PDB file of N, CA and C in Angstrom:
ATOM      1  N   MET A   1     -51.009   4.980 -99.701  1.00  0.00           N
ATOM      2  CA  MET A   1     -49.630   4.556 -99.842  1.00  0.00           C
ATOM      3  C   MET A   1     -48.675   5.708 -99.609  1.00  0.00           C
ATOM      4  N   GLY A   2     -49.090   6.903 -99.905  1.00  0.00           N
ATOM      5  CA  GLY A   2     -48.233   8.076 -99.730  1.00  0.00           C
ATOM      6  C   GLY A   2     -47.912   8.338 -98.268  1.00  0.00           C
ATOM      7  N   LYS A   3     -48.915   8.137 -97.413  1.00  0.00           N
ATOM      8  CA  LYS A   3     -48.689   8.368 -95.987  1.00  0.00           C
ATOM      9  C   LYS A   3     -47.673   7.380 -95.433  1.00  0.00           C
ATOM     10  N   GLN A   4     -47.741   6.147 -95.829  1.00  0.00           N
ATOM     11  CA  GLN A   4     -46.813   5.135 -95.354  1.00  0.00           C
ATOM     12  C   GLN A   4     -45.389   5.490 -95.766  1.00  0.00           C
ATOM     13  N   TYR A   5     -45.215   5.940 -96.983  1.00  0.00           N
ATOM     14  CA  TYR A   5     -43.901   6.298 -97.492  1.00  0.00           C
ATOM     15  C   TYR A   5     -43.330   7.459 -96.684  1.00  0.00           C
ATOM     16  N   ASN A   6     -44.159   8.426 -96.367  1.00  0.00           N
ATOM     17  CA  ASN A   6     -43.703   9.573 -95.577  1.00  0.00           C
ATOM     18  C   ASN A   6     -43.207   9.119 -94.199  1.00  0.00           C
ATOM     19  N   LYS A   7     -43.895   8.156 -93.603  1.00  0.00           N
ATOM     20  CA  LYS A   7     -43.478   7.638 -92.300  1.00  0.00           C
ATOM     21  C   LYS A   7     -42.111   6.982 -92.394  1.00  0.00           C
ATOM     22  N   VAL A   8     -41.896   6.227 -93.459  1.00  0.00           N
ATOM     23  CA  VAL A   8     -40.605   5.553 -93.649  1.00  0.00           C
ATOM     24  C   VAL A   8     -39.501   6.594 -93.803  1.00  0.00           C
ATOM     25  N   GLN A   9     -39.757   7.634 -94.573  1.00  0.00           N
ATOM     26  CA  GLN A   9     -38.769   8.707 -94.772  1.00  0.00           C
ATOM     27  C   GLN A   9     -38.443   9.391 -93.430  1.00  0.00           C
ATOM     28  N   LYS A  10     -39.487   9.660 -92.644  1.00  0.00           N
ATOM     29  CA  LYS A  10     -39.287  10.312 -91.344  1.00  0.00           C
ATOM     30  C   LYS A  10     -38.412   9.444 -90.441  1.00  0.00           C
ATOM     31  N   ARG A  11     -38.684   8.142 -90.438  1.00  0.00           N
ATOM     32  CA  ARG A  11     -37.894   7.233 -89.590  1.00  0.00           C
ATOM     33  C   ARG A  11     -36.434   7.235 -90.006  1.00  0.00           C
ATOM     34  N   ARG A  12     -36.192   7.187 -91.341  1.00  0.00           N
ATOM     35  CA  ARG A  12     -34.798   7.198 -91.819  1.00  0.00           C
ATOM     36  C   ARG A  12     -34.095   8.481 -91.402  1.00  0.00           C
ATOM     37  N   ARG A  13     -34.768   9.606 -91.612  1.00  0.00           N
ATOM     38  CA  ARG A  13     -34.155  10.890 -91.253  1.00  0.00           C
ATOM     39  C   ARG A  13     -33.880  10.965 -89.752  1.00  0.00           C
ATOM     40  N   ARG A  14     -34.826  10.484 -88.978  1.00  0.00           N
ATOM     41  CA  ARG A  14     -34.663  10.504 -87.524  1.00  0.00           C
ATOM     42  C   ARG A  14     -33.471   9.637 -87.115  1.00  0.00           C
ATOM     43  N   LYS A  15     -33.337   8.452 -87.698  1.00  0.00           N
ATOM     44  CA  LYS A  15     -32.214   7.563 -87.399  1.00  0.00           C
ATOM     45  C   LYS A  15     -30.892   8.233 -87.745  1.00  0.00           C
ATOM     46  N   GLN A  16     -30.846   8.845 -88.927  1.00  0.00           N
ATOM     47  CA  GLN A  16     -29.610   9.525 -89.343  1.00  0.00           C
ATOM     48  C   GLN A  16     -29.287  10.695 -88.401  1.00  0.00           C
ATOM     49  N   TYR A  17     -30.324  11.426 -88.001  1.00  0.00           N
ATOM     50  CA  TYR A  17     -30.137  12.554 -87.079  1.00  0.00           C
ATOM     51  C   TYR A  17     -29.572  12.076 -85.744  1.00  0.00           C
ATOM     52  N   PHE A  18     -30.153  11.026 -85.194  1.00  0.00           N
ATOM     53  CA  PHE A  18     -29.655  10.500 -83.916  1.00  0.00           C
ATOM     54  C   PHE A  18     -28.225   9.979 -84.040  1.00  0.00           C
ATOM     55  N   LYS A  19     -27.934   9.357 -85.197  1.00  0.00           N
ATOM     56  CA  LYS A  19     -26.590   8.837 -85.440  1.00  0.00           C
ATOM     57  C   LYS A  19     -25.573   9.994 -85.443  1.00  0.00           C
ATOM     58  N   ARG A  20     -25.920  11.073 -86.168  1.00  0.00           N
ATOM     59  CA  ARG A  20     -25.030  12.247 -86.211  1.00  0.00           C
ATOM     60  C   ARG A  20     -24.825  12.837 -84.821  1.00  0.00           C
ATOM     61  N   LYS A  21     -25.913  12.940 -84.066  1.00  0.00           N
ATOM     62  CA  LYS A  21     -25.834  13.514 -82.712  1.00  0.00           C
ATOM     63  C   LYS A  21     -24.939  12.659 -81.814  1.00  0.00           C
ATOM     64  N   ARG A  22     -25.098  11.340 -81.905  1.00  0.00           N
ATOM     65  CA  ARG A  22     -24.273  10.437 -81.088  1.00  0.00           C
ATOM     66  C   ARG A  22     -22.799  10.617 -81.404  1.00  0.00           C
ATOM     67  N   GLU A  23     -22.469  10.673 -82.704  1.00  0.00           N
ATOM     68  CA  GLU A  23     -21.079  10.845 -83.113  1.00  0.00           C
ATOM     69  C   GLU A  23     -20.536  12.191 -82.632  1.00  0.00           C
ATOM     70  N   GLN A  24     -21.365  13.205 -82.703  1.00  0.00           N
ATOM     71  CA  GLN A  24     -20.948  14.535 -82.278  1.00  0.00           C
ATOM     72  C   GLN A  24     -20.647  14.557 -80.771  1.00  0.00           C
ATOM     73  N   THR A  25     -21.514  13.956 -79.981  1.00  0.00           N
ATOM     74  CA  THR A  25     -21.291  13.937 -78.536  1.00  0.00           C
ATOM     75  C   THR A  25     -20.069  13.097 -78.179  1.00  0.00           C
ATOM     76  N   LYS A  26     -19.861  11.983 -78.898  1.00  0.00           N
ATOM     77  CA  LYS A  26     -18.680  11.154 -78.643  1.00  0.00           C
ATOM     78  C   LYS A  26     -17.403  11.930 -78.934  1.00  0.00           C
ATOM     79  N   SER A  27     -17.389  12.650 -80.046  1.00  0.00           N
ATOM     80  CA  SER A  27     -16.192  13.414 -80.408  1.00  0.00           C
ATOM     81  C   SER A  27     -15.945  14.555 -79.419  1.00  0.00           C
ATOM     82  N   SER A  28     -17.014  15.203 -78.963  1.00  0.00           N
ATOM     83  CA  SER A  28     -16.843  16.304 -78.002  1.00  0.00           C
ATOM     84  C   SER A  28     -16.351  15.772 -76.658  1.00  0.00           C
ATOM     85  N   ILE A  29     -16.828  14.585 -76.259  1.00  0.00           N
ATOM     86  CA  ILE A  29     -16.358  13.977 -75.008  1.00  0.00           C
ATOM     87  C   ILE A  29     -14.890  13.621 -75.121  1.00  0.00           C
ATOM     88  N   ALA A  30     -14.489  13.091 -76.276  1.00  0.00           N
ATOM     89  CA  ALA A  30     -13.084  12.738 -76.489  1.00  0.00           C
ATOM     90  C   ALA A  30     -12.213  13.984 -76.438  1.00  0.00           C
ATOM     91  N   LEU A  31     -12.682  15.078 -76.993  1.00  0.00           N
ATOM     92  CA  LEU A  31     -11.921  16.333 -76.955  1.00  0.00           C
ATOM     93  C   LEU A  31     -11.793  16.849 -75.523  1.00  0.00           C
ATOM     94  N   LYS A  32     -12.867  16.770 -74.770  1.00  0.00           N
ATOM     95  CA  LYS A  32     -12.835  17.244 -73.386  1.00  0.00           C
ATOM     96  C   LYS A  32     -11.848  16.441 -72.556  1.00  0.00           C
ATOM     97  N   LYS A  33     -11.827  15.128 -72.777  1.00  0.00           N
ATOM     98  CA  LYS A  33     -10.908  14.282 -72.016  1.00  0.00           C
ATOM     99  C   LYS A  33      -9.465  14.602 -72.348  1.00  0.00           C
ATOM    100  N   SER A  34      -9.168  14.826 -73.611  1.00  0.00           N
ATOM    101  CA  SER A  34      -7.783  15.053 -74.006  1.00  0.00           C
ATOM    102  C   SER A  34      -7.295  16.446 -73.627  1.00  0.00           C
ATOM    103  N   SER A  35      -8.072  17.473 -73.893  1.00  0.00           N
ATOM    104  CA  SER A  35      -7.599  18.832 -73.630  1.00  0.00           C
ATOM    105  C   SER A  35      -8.170  19.424 -72.352  1.00  0.00           C
ATOM    106  N   GLY A  36      -9.448  19.345 -72.173  1.00  0.00           N
ATOM    107  CA  GLY A  36     -10.106  19.969 -71.030  1.00  0.00           C
ATOM    108  C   GLY A  36      -9.835  19.255 -69.730  1.00  0.00           C
ATOM    109  N   GLY A  37      -9.586  17.973 -69.776  1.00  0.00           N
ATOM    110  CA  GLY A  37      -9.372  17.197 -68.565  1.00  0.00           C
ATOM    111  C   GLY A  37      -8.118  17.615 -67.833  1.00  0.00           C
ATOM    112  N   THR A  38      -7.060  17.948 -68.563  1.00  0.00           N
ATOM    113  CA  THR A  38      -5.807  18.329 -67.909  1.00  0.00           C
ATOM    114  C   THR A  38      -5.950  19.658 -67.198  1.00  0.00           C
ATOM    115  N   SER A  39      -6.659  20.592 -67.810  1.00  0.00           N
ATOM    116  CA  SER A  39      -6.814  21.889 -67.156  1.00  0.00           C
ATOM    117  C   SER A  39      -7.666  21.754 -65.900  1.00  0.00           C
ATOM    118  N   ALA A  40      -8.648  20.889 -65.951  1.00  0.00           N
ATOM    119  CA  ALA A  40      -9.489  20.683 -64.772  1.00  0.00           C
ATOM    120  C   ALA A  40      -8.664  20.045 -63.655  1.00  0.00           C
ATOM    121  N   SER A  41      -7.837  19.063 -64.005  1.00  0.00           N
ATOM    122  CA  SER A  41      -7.018  18.426 -62.976  1.00  0.00           C
ATOM    123  C   SER A  41      -5.964  19.402 -62.457  1.00  0.00           C
ATOM    124  N   ALA A  42      -5.483  20.276 -63.346  1.00  0.00           N
ATOM    125  CA  ALA A  42      -4.521  21.280 -62.902  1.00  0.00           C
ATOM    126  C   ALA A  42      -5.174  22.241 -61.912  1.00  0.00           C
ATOM    127  N   LYS A  43      -6.420  22.603 -62.190  1.00  0.00           N
ATOM    128  CA  LYS A  43      -7.140  23.487 -61.275  1.00  0.00           C
ATOM    129  C   LYS A  43      -7.335  22.820 -59.920  1.00  0.00           C
ATOM    130  N   LYS A  44      -7.699  21.532 -59.963  1.00  0.00           N
ATOM    131  CA  LYS A  44      -7.893  20.808 -58.713  1.00  0.00           C
ATOM    132  C   LYS A  44      -6.590  20.735 -57.929  1.00  0.00           C
ATOM    133  N   ALA A  45      -5.490  20.475 -58.643  1.00  0.00           N
ATOM    134  CA  ALA A  45      -4.190  20.388 -57.983  1.00  0.00           C
ATOM    135  C   ALA A  45      -3.809  21.726 -57.365  1.00  0.00           C
ATOM    136  N   ALA A  46      -4.097  22.810 -58.071  1.00  0.00           N
ATOM    137  CA  ALA A  46      -3.799  24.134 -57.539  1.00  0.00           C
ATOM    138  C   ALA A  46      -4.625  24.413 -56.286  1.00  0.00           C
ATOM    139  N   LYS A  47      -5.896  24.010 -56.313  1.00  0.00           N
ATOM    140  CA  LYS A  47      -6.750  24.208 -55.137  1.00  0.00           C
ATOM    141  C   LYS A  47      -6.227  23.416 -53.952  1.00  0.00           C
ATOM    142  N   LYS A  48      -5.812  22.164 -54.213  1.00  0.00           N
ATOM    143  CA  LYS A  48      -5.291  21.337 -53.130  1.00  0.00           C
ATOM    144  C   LYS A  48      -4.024  21.939 -52.552  1.00  0.00           C
ATOM    145  N   ALA A  49      -3.147  22.441 -53.431  1.00  0.00           N
ATOM    146  CA  ALA A  49      -1.903  23.041 -52.969  1.00  0.00           C
ATOM    147  C   ALA A  49      -2.189  24.267 -52.109  1.00  0.00           C
ATOM    148  N   ALA A  50      -3.137  25.079 -52.544  1.00  0.00           N
ATOM    149  CA  ALA A  50      -3.500  26.269 -51.773  1.00  0.00           C
ATOM    150  C   ALA A  50      -4.083  25.872 -50.424  1.00  0.00           C
ATOM    151  N   ALA A  51      -4.906  24.837 -50.426  1.00  0.00           N
ATOM    152  CA  ALA A  51      -5.511  24.381 -49.174  1.00  0.00           C
ATOM    153  C   ALA A  51      -4.428  23.851 -48.234  1.00  0.00           C
ATOM    154  N   LYS A  52      -3.456  23.129 -48.778  1.00  0.00           N
ATOM    155  CA  LYS A  52      -2.374  22.613 -47.948  1.00  0.00           C
ATOM    156  C   LYS A  52      -1.559  23.760 -47.355  1.00  0.00           C
ATOM    157  N   LYS A  53      -1.311  24.789 -48.176  1.00  0.00           N
ATOM    158  CA  LYS A  53      -0.535  25.940 -47.697  1.00  0.00           C
ATOM    159  C   LYS A  53      -1.232  26.615 -46.521  1.00  0.00           C
ATOM    160  N   THR A  54      -2.526  26.855 -46.676  1.00  0.00           N
ATOM    161  CA  THR A  54      -3.266  27.515 -45.600  1.00  0.00           C
ATOM    162  C   THR A  54      -3.328  26.627 -44.368  1.00  0.00           C
ATOM    163  N   ALA A  55      -3.433  25.324 -44.581  1.00  0.00           N
ATOM    164  CA  ALA A  55      -3.463  24.401 -43.442  1.00  0.00           C
ATOM    165  C   ALA A  55      -2.125  24.429 -42.706  1.00  0.00           C
ATOM    166  N   LYS A  56      -1.025  24.481 -43.457  1.00  0.00           N
ATOM    167  CA  LYS A  56       0.291  24.536 -42.831  1.00  0.00           C
ATOM    168  C   LYS A  56       0.461  25.823 -42.036  1.00  0.00           C
ATOM    169  N   LYS A  57       0.010  26.944 -42.627  1.00  0.00           N
ATOM    170  CA  LYS A  57       0.115  28.223 -41.927  1.00  0.00           C
ATOM    171  C   LYS A  57      -0.686  28.201 -40.631  1.00  0.00           C
ATOM    172  N   ALA A  58      -1.882  27.666 -40.704  1.00  0.00           N
ATOM    173  CA  ALA A  58      -2.727  27.589 -39.514  1.00  0.00           C
ATOM    174  C   ALA A  58      -2.091  26.698 -38.459  1.00  0.00           C
ATOM    175  N   ALA A  59      -1.501  25.604 -38.894  1.00  0.00           N
ATOM    176  CA  ALA A  59      -0.849  24.693 -37.950  1.00  0.00           C
ATOM    177  C   ALA A  59       0.348  25.387 -37.286  1.00  0.00           C
ATOM    178  N   LYS A  60       1.115  26.131 -38.078  1.00  0.00           N
ATOM    179  CA  LYS A  60       2.260  26.852 -37.513  1.00  0.00           C
ATOM    180  C   LYS A  60       1.794  27.872 -36.479  1.00  0.00           C
ATOM    181  N   LYS A  61       0.713  28.576 -36.799  1.00  0.00           N
ATOM    182  CA  LYS A  61       0.195  29.578 -35.865  1.00  0.00           C
ATOM    183  C   LYS A  61      -0.219  28.936 -34.548  1.00  0.00           C
ATOM    184  N   THR A  62      -0.916  27.823 -34.636  1.00  0.00           N
ATOM    185  CA  THR A  62      -1.369  27.166 -33.410  1.00  0.00           C
ATOM    186  C   THR A  62      -0.182  26.656 -32.602  1.00  0.00           C
ATOM    187  N   VAL A  63       0.849  26.158 -33.291  1.00  0.00           N
ATOM    188  CA  VAL A  63       2.042  25.683 -32.587  1.00  0.00           C
ATOM    189  C   VAL A  63       2.731  26.847 -31.893  1.00  0.00           C
ATOM    190  N   LYS A  64       2.835  27.977 -32.595  1.00  0.00           N
ATOM    191  CA  LYS A  64       3.468  29.156 -31.995  1.00  0.00           C
ATOM    192  C   LYS A  64       2.686  29.637 -30.770  1.00  0.00           C
ATOM    193  N   LYS A  65       1.357  29.672 -30.907  1.00  0.00           N
ATOM    194  CA  LYS A  65       0.529  30.109 -29.781  1.00  0.00           C
ATOM    195  C   LYS A  65       0.693  29.186 -28.591  1.00  0.00           C
ATOM    196  N   ALA A  66       0.710  27.891 -28.853  1.00  0.00           N
ATOM    197  CA  ALA A  66       0.867  26.919 -27.771  1.00  0.00           C
ATOM    198  C   ALA A  66       2.237  27.083 -27.110  1.00  0.00           C
ATOM    199  N   ALA A  67       3.270  27.314 -27.922  1.00  0.00           N
ATOM    200  CA  ALA A  67       4.609  27.493 -27.374  1.00  0.00           C
ATOM    201  C   ALA A  67       4.674  28.751 -26.505  1.00  0.00           C
ATOM    202  N   LYS A  68       4.039  29.811 -26.975  1.00  0.00           N
ATOM    203  CA  LYS A  68       4.015  31.044 -26.185  1.00  0.00           C
ATOM    204  C   LYS A  68       3.306  30.829 -24.854  1.00  0.00           C
ATOM    205  N   LYS A  69       2.166  30.130 -24.898  1.00  0.00           N
ATOM    206  CA  LYS A  69       1.415  29.883 -23.665  1.00  0.00           C
ATOM    207  C   LYS A  69       2.247  29.085 -22.674  1.00  0.00           C
ATOM    208  N   THR A  70       2.900  28.032 -23.169  1.00  0.00           N
ATOM    209  CA  THR A  70       3.705  27.202 -22.260  1.00  0.00           C
ATOM    210  C   THR A  70       4.879  27.993 -21.720  1.00  0.00           C
ATOM    211  N   ALA A  71       5.475  28.839 -22.560  1.00  0.00           N
ATOM    212  CA  ALA A  71       6.586  29.663 -22.094  1.00  0.00           C
ATOM    213  C   ALA A  71       6.120  30.622 -21.003  1.00  0.00           C
ATOM    214  N   LYS A  72       4.958  31.221 -21.206  1.00  0.00           N
ATOM    215  CA  LYS A  72       4.416  32.140 -20.201  1.00  0.00           C
ATOM    216  C   LYS A  72       4.114  31.405 -18.905  1.00  0.00           C
ATOM    217  N   LYS A  73       3.512  30.220 -19.029  1.00  0.00           N
ATOM    218  CA  LYS A  73       3.186  29.454 -17.835  1.00  0.00           C
ATOM    219  C   LYS A  73       4.437  29.078 -17.064  1.00  0.00           C
ATOM    220  N   THR A  74       5.452  28.605 -17.766  1.00  0.00           N
ATOM    221  CA  THR A  74       6.684  28.201 -17.079  1.00  0.00           C
ATOM    222  C   THR A  74       7.366  29.416 -16.461  1.00  0.00           C
ATOM    223  N   ALA A  75       7.333  30.549 -17.154  1.00  0.00           N
ATOM    224  CA  ALA A  75       7.932  31.759 -16.601  1.00  0.00           C
ATOM    225  C   ALA A  75       7.197  32.181 -15.326  1.00  0.00           C
ATOM    226  N   LYS A  76       5.873  32.103 -15.351  1.00  0.00           N
ATOM    227  CA  LYS A  76       5.093  32.457 -14.161  1.00  0.00           C
ATOM    228  C   LYS A  76       5.395  31.514 -13.009  1.00  0.00           C
ATOM    229  N   LYS A  77       5.489  30.223 -13.314  1.00  0.00           N
ATOM    230  CA  LYS A  77       5.768  29.243 -12.272  1.00  0.00           C
ATOM    231  C   LYS A  77       7.138  29.480 -11.651  1.00  0.00           C
ATOM    232  N   THR A  78       8.137  29.716 -12.497  1.00  0.00           N
ATOM    233  CA  THR A  78       9.481  29.945 -11.959  1.00  0.00           C
ATOM    234  C   THR A  78       9.528  31.230 -11.148  1.00  0.00           C
ATOM    235  N   ALA A  79       8.810  32.264 -11.616  1.00  0.00           N
ATOM    236  CA  ALA A  79       8.775  33.513 -10.855  1.00  0.00           C
ATOM    237  C   ALA A  79       8.121  33.294  -9.500  1.00  0.00           C
ATOM    238  N   LYS A  80       7.044  32.537  -9.462  1.00  0.00           N
ATOM    239  CA  LYS A  80       6.378  32.245  -8.191  1.00  0.00           C
ATOM    240  C   LYS A  80       7.294  31.459  -7.261  1.00  0.00           C
ATOM    241  N   LYS A  81       8.006  30.473  -7.817  1.00  0.00           N
ATOM    242  CA  LYS A  81       8.904  29.662  -6.994  1.00  0.00           C
ATOM    243  C   LYS A  81      10.015  30.503  -6.397  1.00  0.00           C
ATOM    244  N   THR A  82      10.618  31.348  -7.237  1.00  0.00           N
ATOM    245  CA  THR A  82      11.701  32.194  -6.718  1.00  0.00           C
ATOM    246  C   THR A  82      11.179  33.169  -5.680  1.00  0.00           C
ATOM    247  N   ALA A  83       9.964  33.695  -5.885  1.00  0.00           N
ATOM    248  CA  ALA A  83       9.378  34.610  -4.908  1.00  0.00           C
ATOM    249  C   ALA A  83       9.122  33.886  -3.592  1.00  0.00           C
ATOM    250  N   LYS A  84       8.640  32.665  -3.659  1.00  0.00           N
ATOM    251  CA  LYS A  84       8.402  31.884  -2.446  1.00  0.00           C
ATOM    252  C   LYS A  84       9.705  31.603  -1.711  1.00  0.00           C
ATOM    253  N   LYS A  85      10.739  31.233  -2.468  1.00  0.00           N
ATOM    254  CA  LYS A  85      12.034  30.953  -1.852  1.00  0.00           C
ATOM    255  C   LYS A  85      12.598  32.189  -1.165  1.00  0.00           C
ATOM    256  N   ALA A  86      12.473  33.332  -1.846  1.00  0.00           N
ATOM    257  CA  ALA A  86      12.966  34.574  -1.267  1.00  0.00           C
ATOM    258  C   ALA A  86      12.186  34.914   0.002  1.00  0.00           C
ATOM    259  N   ALA A  87      10.881  34.703  -0.039  1.00  0.00           N
ATOM    260  CA  ALA A  87      10.048  34.979   1.139  1.00  0.00           C
ATOM    261  C   ALA A  87      10.430  34.044   2.282  1.00  0.00           C
ATOM    262  N   LYS A  88      10.685  32.772   1.986  1.00  0.00           N
ATOM    263  CA  LYS A  88      11.085  31.822   3.023  1.00  0.00           C
ATOM    264  C   LYS A  88      12.413  32.226   3.636  1.00  0.00           C
ATOM    265  N   LYS A  89      13.352  32.622   2.794  1.00  0.00           N
ATOM    266  CA  LYS A  89      14.667  33.040   3.307  1.00  0.00           C
ATOM    267  C   LYS A  89      14.521  34.260   4.202  1.00  0.00           C
ATOM    268  N   ALA A  90      13.695  35.209   3.790  1.00  0.00           N
ATOM    269  CA  ALA A  90      13.499  36.413   4.579  1.00  0.00           C
ATOM    270  C   ALA A  90      12.859  36.066   5.920  1.00  0.00           C
ATOM    271  N   VAL A  91      11.911  35.147   5.902  1.00  0.00           N
ATOM    272  CA  VAL A  91      11.244  34.729   7.132  1.00  0.00           C
ATOM    273  C   VAL A  91      12.222  33.964   8.017  1.00  0.00           C
ATOM    274  N   GLU A  92      13.058  33.126   7.458  1.00  0.00           N
ATOM    275  CA  GLU A  92      14.018  32.341   8.228  1.00  0.00           C
ATOM    276  C   GLU A  92      15.117  33.221   8.813  1.00  0.00           C
ATOM    277  N   GLU A  93      15.527  34.264   8.100  1.00  0.00           N
ATOM    278  CA  GLU A  93      16.602  35.142   8.584  1.00  0.00           C
ATOM    279  C   GLU A  93      16.139  36.015   9.749  1.00  0.00           C
ATOM    280  N   LYS A  94      14.901  36.447   9.739  1.00  0.00           N
ATOM    281  CA  LYS A  94      14.393  37.309  10.815  1.00  0.00           C
ATOM    282  C   LYS A  94      14.448  36.618  12.171  1.00  0.00           C
ATOM    283  N   PRO A  95      13.911  35.426  12.323  1.00  0.00           N
ATOM    284  CA  PRO A  95      13.971  34.798  13.640  1.00  0.00           C
ATOM    285  C   PRO A  95      15.401  34.509  14.064  1.00  0.00           C
ATOM    286  N   ALA A  96      16.263  34.200  13.128  1.00  0.00           N
ATOM    287  CA  ALA A  96      17.656  33.915  13.487  1.00  0.00           C
ATOM    288  C   ALA A  96      18.321  35.176  14.027  1.00  0.00           C
ATOM    289  N   ALA A  97      18.020  36.328  13.472  1.00  0.00           N
ATOM    290  CA  ALA A  97      18.604  37.584  13.939  1.00  0.00           C
ATOM    291  C   ALA A  97      18.017  37.969  15.290  1.00  0.00           C
ATOM    292  N   GLU A  98      16.751  37.649  15.532  1.00  0.00           N
ATOM    293  CA  GLU A  98      16.121  37.984  16.804  1.00  0.00           C
ATOM    294  C   GLU A  98      16.615  37.087  17.938  1.00  0.00           C
ATOM    295  N   GLU A  99      16.945  35.833  17.645  1.00  0.00           N
ATOM    296  CA  GLU A  99      17.389  34.899  18.671  1.00  0.00           C
ATOM    297  C   GLU A  99      18.754  35.282  19.247  1.00  0.00           C
ATOM    298  N   ALA A 100      19.633  35.731  18.377  1.00  0.00           N
ATOM    299  CA  ALA A 100      20.978  36.077  18.840  1.00  0.00           C
ATOM    300  C   ALA A 100      21.140  37.589  18.793  1.00  0.00           C
ATOM    301  N   PRO A 101      20.737  38.286  19.867  1.00  0.00           N
ATOM    302  CA  PRO A 101      20.844  39.737  19.836  1.00  0.00           C
ATOM    303  C   PRO A 101      22.296  40.213  19.977  1.00  0.00           C
ATOM    304  N   GLY A 102      23.158  39.419  20.603  1.00  0.00           N
ATOM    305  CA  GLY A 102      24.549  39.821  20.775  1.00  0.00           C
ATOM    306  C   GLY A 102      25.332  39.747  19.483  1.00  0.00           C
ATOM    307  N   LYS A 103      24.944  38.861  18.622  1.00  0.00           N
ATOM    308  CA  LYS A 103      25.661  38.705  17.359  1.00  0.00           C
ATOM    309  C   LYS A 103      25.002  39.578  16.313  1.00  0.00           C
ATOM    310  N   GLU A 104      25.808  40.326  15.653  1.00  0.00           N
ATOM    311  CA  GLU A 104      25.287  41.171  14.584  1.00  0.00           C
ATOM    312  C   GLU A 104      25.704  40.579  13.253  1.00  0.00           C
ATOM    313  N   SER A 105      24.801  40.589  12.328  1.00  0.00           N
ATOM    314  CA  SER A 105      25.138  40.031  11.012  1.00  0.00           C
ATOM    315  C   SER A 105      25.966  41.023  10.227  1.00  0.00           C
ATOM    316  N   SER A 106      26.855  40.524   9.414  1.00  0.00           N
ATOM    317  CA  SER A 106      27.742  41.391   8.641  1.00  0.00           C
ATOM    318  C   SER A 106      26.971  42.127   7.561  1.00  0.00           C
ATOM    319  N   ALA A 107      25.879  41.571   7.106  1.00  0.00           N
ATOM    320  CA  ALA A 107      25.094  42.201   6.064  1.00  0.00           C
ATOM    321  C   ALA A 107      24.265  43.340   6.621  1.00  0.00           C
ATOM    322  N   ALA A 108      23.888  43.261   7.889  1.00  0.00           N
ATOM    323  CA  ALA A 108      23.036  44.281   8.477  1.00  0.00           C
ATOM    324  C   ALA A 108      23.791  45.586   8.702  1.00  0.00           C
ATOM    325  N   LYS A 109      25.038  45.530   9.243  1.00  0.00           N
ATOM    326  CA  LYS A 109      25.796  46.741   9.507  1.00  0.00           C
ATOM    327  C   LYS A 109      27.094  46.733   8.723  1.00  0.00           C
ATOM    328  N   GLU A 110      27.438  47.895   8.241  1.00  0.00           N
ATOM    329  CA  GLU A 110      28.709  48.015   7.522  1.00  0.00           C
ATOM    330  C   GLU A 110      29.737  48.624   8.487  1.00  0.00           C
ATOM    331  N   PRO A 111      30.972  48.286   8.282  1.00  0.00           N
ATOM    332  CA  PRO A 111      31.999  48.873   9.158  1.00  0.00           C
ATOM    333  C   PRO A 111      32.112  50.374   8.911  1.00  0.00           C
ATOM    334  N   PRO A 112      32.469  51.155   9.910  1.00  0.00           N
ATOM    335  CA  PRO A 112      32.554  52.609   9.726  1.00  0.00           C
ATOM    336  C   PRO A 112      33.645  52.955   8.701  1.00  0.00           C
ATOM    337  N   ALA A 113      33.366  53.924   7.949  1.00  0.00           N
ATOM    338  CA  ALA A 113      34.308  54.328   6.898  1.00  0.00           C
ATOM    339  C   ALA A 113      35.394  55.196   7.502  1.00  0.00           C
ATOM    340  N   THR A 114      36.625  54.896   7.200  1.00  0.00           N
ATOM    341  CA  THR A 114      37.757  55.703   7.708  1.00  0.00           C
ATOM    342  C   THR A 114      38.209  56.645   6.628  1.00  0.00           C
ATOM    343  N   GLU A 115      38.467  57.864   7.117  1.00  0.00           N
ATOM    344  CA  GLU A 115      38.858  58.865   6.140  1.00  0.00           C
ATOM    345  C   GLU A 115      40.310  59.145   6.174  1.00  0.00           C
TER     346      GLU A 115
END
């Protein structure tokens, strides 16, 4: 009979122990939600803000680089066009001057300077 009684006592103690543990974990979870949860969400918000900042900076850099590239390309194109136009004018003026040898262009010779 003594052994049976000991088993009953062990079961009661075990039940009480589990009950205490359950209450303890419930209270600790409630504390974490009320106090610890806000700091965790604040940390997450700070991380997101930092990530957004770096993303914005990277986006600005890429936009600036793209703008510089397009500016360089357009500058090169305009320089090439003006160079071609100047070359065409120079080529067109030469044959015109050769065709009319009697006529002298005003740009080619300056009038003599009088003293």
